[in-house]
Amino acid sequence: MDKKYTFQDLLDIVEKLRGENGCPWDREQTHESIKHSIIEEGYELIEVLESKDFEKMADESGDLILQVVFHAQIGKENNEYNIDDVISAVCSKLITRHPHVFGDVEVKDSAEVLDNWSRIKREERGQKTIGEDMEGIAKSLPALMRAEKVQSKAEKGGYIFNTPQVVAESISKMTNVLSGNDTKEVSEKYIGKMLFELVSVAKALDVDAETALSRYTNSFVEEFSKHEE
């Protein structure tokens, strides 16, 4: 690709696609109709990041940026917000949440940086309790990832989760309950509890549960394919 485009080119292209003589499909889209594309493009970028293919990283990063620009264009047309509001908001957030860089606050290490970030974030949102902080975690996050974030905040509030050994015993007992259960509601409750407990085990072992499940699923697909052949 010889021609190098700029961010302004992207804004102009999306605006033209959404314009009167643009693309019928692009013109039909709304915030609601394309919201799940953000998740899809985000995960495609994560997959490429693990491959260390830098050309693909740039390509998938562009797809993710497109989602932000597309929503901003819809917002502009509806007099809701525009890309300048997006840029202004993130710049303001970065400056406010890094007082050790843009202010006179001193920090010892990255752990203190994260503590300050969380505190400032809670203050911005008017959150006074750990529970309110937990409520602020996006419910649209993948369940394992959300559970990990909730547990991290609970630990900061003094909550102590069971050790891996205790969790293993607990899961064994819950499995016995499930074997004699015949209602979906009870099964869902216990399976949810077991998964939540397993996330706490992953945290204790410094393992990302979302990544662990994803990689094991990948290995299962590979093994199944070999068996099928």
Protein backbone atom coordinates (compact mmCIF):
# COMPACT_ATOMS: atom_id res chain seq x y z
CA MET A 1 0.00 0.00 0.00
CA ASP A 2 1.77 3.13 -1.27
CA LYS A 3 -0.58 5.87 -0.11
CA LYS A 4 -0.50 6.73 3.58
CA TYR A 5 -3.79 7.96 5.00
CA THR A 6 -4.25 10.14 8.07
CA PHE A 7 -6.75 10.15 10.93
CA GLN A 8 -8.54 13.02 9.21
CA ASP A 9 -8.85 10.86 6.08
CA LEU A 10 -10.60 8.23 8.19
CA LEU A 11 -13.05 10.80 9.56
CA ASP A 12 -13.77 12.06 6.03
CA ILE A 13 -14.24 8.54 4.64
CA VAL A 14 -16.69 7.51 7.37
CA GLU A 15 -18.61 10.77 6.95
CA LYS A 16 -18.87 10.12 3.19
CA LEU A 17 -20.00 6.53 3.74
CA ARG A 18 -22.77 7.83 6.00
CA GLY A 19 -23.62 10.70 3.61
CA GLU A 20 -26.45 11.09 1.12
CA ASN A 21 -24.52 9.42 -1.70
CA GLY A 22 -22.71 6.97 0.55
CA CYS A 23 -23.14 3.26 1.25
CA PRO A 24 -26.71 2.04 1.91
CA TRP A 25 -25.54 -0.38 4.62
CA ASP A 26 -23.40 2.18 6.45
CA ARG A 27 -26.21 4.74 6.35
CA GLU A 28 -28.64 2.29 7.97
CA GLN A 29 -26.48 1.58 11.02
CA THR A 30 -27.21 2.91 14.52
CA HIS A 31 -25.37 2.82 17.85
CA GLU A 32 -27.44 -0.23 18.75
CA SER A 33 -27.01 -2.16 15.49
CA ILE A 34 -23.21 -2.15 15.54
CA LYS A 35 -22.48 -2.20 19.28
CA HIS A 36 -21.34 -5.84 19.33
CA SER A 37 -18.77 -5.13 16.61
CA ILE A 38 -16.69 -3.36 19.26
CA ILE A 39 -16.36 -6.62 21.20
CA GLU A 40 -15.61 -8.66 18.09
CA GLU A 41 -12.93 -6.29 16.81
CA GLY A 42 -11.41 -6.00 20.28
CA TYR A 43 -10.98 -9.76 20.57
CA GLU A 44 -9.57 -10.01 17.05
CA LEU A 45 -6.93 -7.47 18.06
CA ILE A 46 -6.13 -9.44 21.24
CA GLU A 47 -5.65 -12.60 19.18
CA VAL A 48 -3.21 -10.83 16.84
CA LEU A 49 -1.31 -9.25 19.74
CA GLU A 50 -0.44 -12.73 20.94
CA SER A 51 0.86 -13.68 17.47
CA LYS A 52 3.43 -10.84 17.39
CA ASP A 53 2.48 -10.09 13.77
CA PHE A 54 2.94 -6.32 13.76
CA GLU A 55 1.41 -5.74 10.32
CA LYS A 56 -1.75 -7.50 11.43
CA MET A 57 -1.65 -5.60 14.72
CA ALA A 58 -1.85 -2.34 12.77
CA ASP A 59 -4.65 -3.73 10.61
CA GLU A 60 -6.78 -4.97 13.52
CA SER A 61 -6.09 -1.78 15.52
CA GLY A 62 -7.54 0.14 12.60
CA ASP A 63 -10.70 -1.97 12.69
CA LEU A 64 -11.12 -1.15 16.39
CA ILE A 65 -10.52 2.57 15.85
CA LEU A 66 -13.11 2.47 13.06
CA GLN A 67 -15.77 1.44 15.60
CA VAL A 68 -15.03 4.51 17.73
CA VAL A 69 -15.03 6.81 14.70
CA PHE A 70 -18.24 5.28 13.33
CA HIS A 71 -20.09 5.81 16.61
CA ALA A 72 -18.73 9.36 16.80
CA GLN A 73 -20.04 10.07 13.31
CA ILE A 74 -23.50 8.77 14.26
CA GLY A 75 -23.31 10.92 17.39
CA LYS A 76 -22.37 13.95 15.33
CA GLU A 77 -25.33 13.46 12.98
CA ASN A 78 -27.69 13.14 15.94
CA ASN A 79 -26.18 16.15 17.75
CA GLU A 80 -25.13 13.85 20.62
CA TYR A 81 -21.33 14.11 20.55
CA ASN A 82 -18.48 14.09 18.03
CA ILE A 83 -14.91 12.84 17.69
CA ASP A 84 -13.54 16.04 19.27
CA ASP A 85 -15.57 15.26 22.40
CA VAL A 86 -14.07 11.77 22.42
CA ILE A 87 -10.50 13.05 22.16
CA SER A 88 -11.11 15.78 24.73
CA ALA A 89 -12.63 13.33 27.21
CA VAL A 90 -9.77 10.85 27.03
CA CYS A 91 -7.10 13.59 27.22
CA SER A 92 -8.77 15.09 30.27
CA LYS A 93 -9.02 11.66 31.88
CA LEU A 94 -5.34 10.86 31.29
CA ILE A 95 -4.21 14.19 32.74
CA THR A 96 -6.51 13.97 35.77
CA ARG A 97 -5.62 10.38 36.59
CA HIS A 98 -1.85 10.93 36.29
CA PRO A 99 -1.29 13.66 38.89
CA HIS A 100 2.25 12.31 39.39
CA VAL A 101 3.04 13.31 35.80
CA PHE A 102 0.85 16.37 35.19
CA GLY A 103 0.71 17.57 38.80
CA ASP A 104 2.83 17.61 41.93
CA VAL A 105 1.85 14.23 43.39
CA GLU A 106 4.71 11.84 44.17
CA VAL A 107 4.41 8.04 43.85
CA LYS A 108 6.72 5.21 44.91
CA ASP A 109 5.85 2.61 42.29
CA SER A 110 3.29 1.41 39.74
CA ALA A 111 1.14 -0.11 42.51
CA GLU A 112 0.63 3.34 43.99
CA VAL A 113 -0.14 4.67 40.51
CA LEU A 114 -2.95 2.11 40.18
CA ASP A 115 -4.28 2.93 43.64
CA ASN A 116 -4.41 6.63 42.76
CA TRP A 117 -6.07 5.84 39.41
CA SER A 118 -8.79 3.80 41.15
CA ARG A 119 -9.34 6.44 43.83
CA ILE A 120 -9.62 9.28 41.30
CA LYS A 121 -11.94 7.18 39.15
CA ARG A 122 -14.24 6.53 42.13
CA GLU A 123 -14.25 10.23 42.99
CA GLU A 124 -15.15 11.15 39.40
CA ARG A 125 -18.09 8.74 39.51
CA GLY A 126 -19.16 9.71 43.01
CA GLN A 127 -18.63 6.17 44.27
CA LYS A 128 -18.25 6.07 48.05
CA THR A 129 -18.29 2.33 48.71
CA ILE A 130 -16.63 -0.80 47.31
CA GLY A 131 -20.09 -2.05 46.34
CA GLU A 132 -20.71 1.04 44.23
CA ASP A 133 -17.29 0.54 42.69
CA MET A 134 -18.24 -3.04 41.78
CA GLU A 135 -21.53 -1.84 40.30
CA GLY A 136 -19.47 0.42 38.02
CA ILE A 137 -17.81 -2.57 36.35
CA ALA A 138 -19.40 -3.10 32.94
CA LYS A 139 -21.90 -5.96 33.04
CA SER A 140 -21.27 -6.53 29.33
CA LEU A 141 -17.74 -7.78 30.06
CA PRO A 142 -17.06 -11.50 29.54
CA ALA A 143 -18.24 -13.20 32.74
CA LEU A 144 -14.83 -14.53 33.82
CA MET A 145 -13.20 -11.15 33.29
CA ARG A 146 -15.94 -9.35 35.22
CA ALA A 147 -15.68 -11.85 38.08
CA GLU A 148 -11.92 -11.23 38.29
CA LYS A 149 -12.42 -7.47 38.47
CA VAL A 150 -15.13 -7.81 41.12
CA GLN A 151 -12.91 -10.08 43.21
CA SER A 152 -9.96 -7.67 42.94
CA LYS A 153 -12.10 -4.85 44.31
CA ALA A 154 -13.47 -7.10 47.05
CA GLU A 155 -9.92 -7.97 48.13
CA LYS A 156 -9.03 -4.29 48.31
CA GLY A 157 -12.02 -3.92 50.62
CA GLY A 158 -10.61 -6.60 52.94
CA TYR A 159 -12.51 -9.65 51.64
CA ILE A 160 -10.51 -12.88 51.87
CA PHE A 161 -11.29 -15.63 49.35
CA ASN A 162 -10.86 -19.33 50.08
CA THR A 163 -7.57 -21.06 49.35
CA PRO A 164 -7.36 -23.29 46.23
CA GLN A 165 -7.54 -26.37 48.49
CA VAL A 166 -10.75 -25.19 50.17
CA VAL A 167 -12.23 -24.27 46.79
CA ALA A 168 -11.47 -27.76 45.46
CA GLU A 169 -13.34 -29.32 48.40
CA SER A 170 -16.22 -26.88 47.94
CA ILE A 171 -16.53 -27.67 44.23
CA SER A 172 -16.51 -31.39 44.98
CA LYS A 173 -19.44 -30.93 47.37
CA MET A 174 -21.34 -28.76 44.89
CA THR A 175 -20.79 -31.37 42.17
CA ASN A 176 -22.46 -33.95 44.39
CA VAL A 177 -25.41 -31.59 44.89
CA LEU A 178 -25.69 -31.13 41.12
CA SER A 179 -25.70 -34.88 40.48
CA GLY A 180 -28.86 -35.21 42.56
CA ASN A 181 -30.54 -32.04 41.29
CA ASP A 182 -33.21 -31.86 38.61
CA THR A 183 -33.95 -28.14 38.32
CA LYS A 184 -32.22 -25.76 35.93
CA GLU A 185 -32.39 -22.87 38.40
CA VAL A 186 -30.43 -24.72 41.07
CA SER A 187 -27.95 -26.06 38.50
CA GLU A 188 -27.32 -22.57 37.16
CA LYS A 189 -26.74 -21.22 40.69
CA TYR A 190 -24.19 -23.87 41.63
CA ILE A 191 -22.38 -23.83 38.30
CA GLY A 192 -22.12 -20.05 38.56
CA LYS A 193 -20.71 -20.37 42.08
CA MET A 194 -18.18 -22.97 40.97
CA LEU A 195 -16.98 -20.78 38.10
CA PHE A 196 -16.71 -17.79 40.43
CA GLU A 197 -14.70 -19.88 42.89
CA LEU A 198 -12.39 -21.06 40.09
CA VAL A 199 -11.70 -17.44 39.14
CA SER A 200 -10.51 -16.84 42.71
CA VAL A 201 -8.20 -19.85 42.38
CA ALA A 202 -6.81 -18.47 39.12
CA LYS A 203 -6.16 -15.13 40.84
CA ALA A 204 -4.39 -16.85 43.72
CA LEU A 205 -2.13 -18.64 41.23
CA ASP A 206 -1.59 -15.45 39.18
CA VAL A 207 -3.40 -16.92 36.17
CA ASP A 208 -5.83 -14.97 34.01
CA ALA A 209 -8.98 -17.12 33.93
CA GLU A 210 -10.25 -15.67 30.64
CA THR A 211 -6.94 -16.40 28.90
CA ALA A 212 -6.67 -19.85 30.48
CA LEU A 213 -10.11 -20.91 29.24
CA SER A 214 -9.50 -19.42 25.80
CA ARG A 215 -6.19 -21.23 25.36
CA TYR A 216 -7.56 -24.53 26.61
CA THR A 217 -10.50 -24.19 24.20
CA ASN A 218 -7.99 -23.62 21.39
CA SER A 219 -6.09 -26.78 22.35
CA PHE A 220 -9.36 -28.74 22.49
CA VAL A 221 -10.25 -27.60 18.96
CA GLU A 222 -6.80 -28.66 17.74
CA GLU A 223 -7.03 -32.08 19.41
CA PHE A 224 -10.57 -32.63 18.15
CA SER A 225 -9.52 -31.75 14.61
CA LYS A 226 -6.65 -34.26 14.79
CA HIS A 227 -8.99 -36.95 16.07
CA GLU A 228 -11.50 -36.17 13.32
CA GLU A 229 -8.82 -36.56 10.66
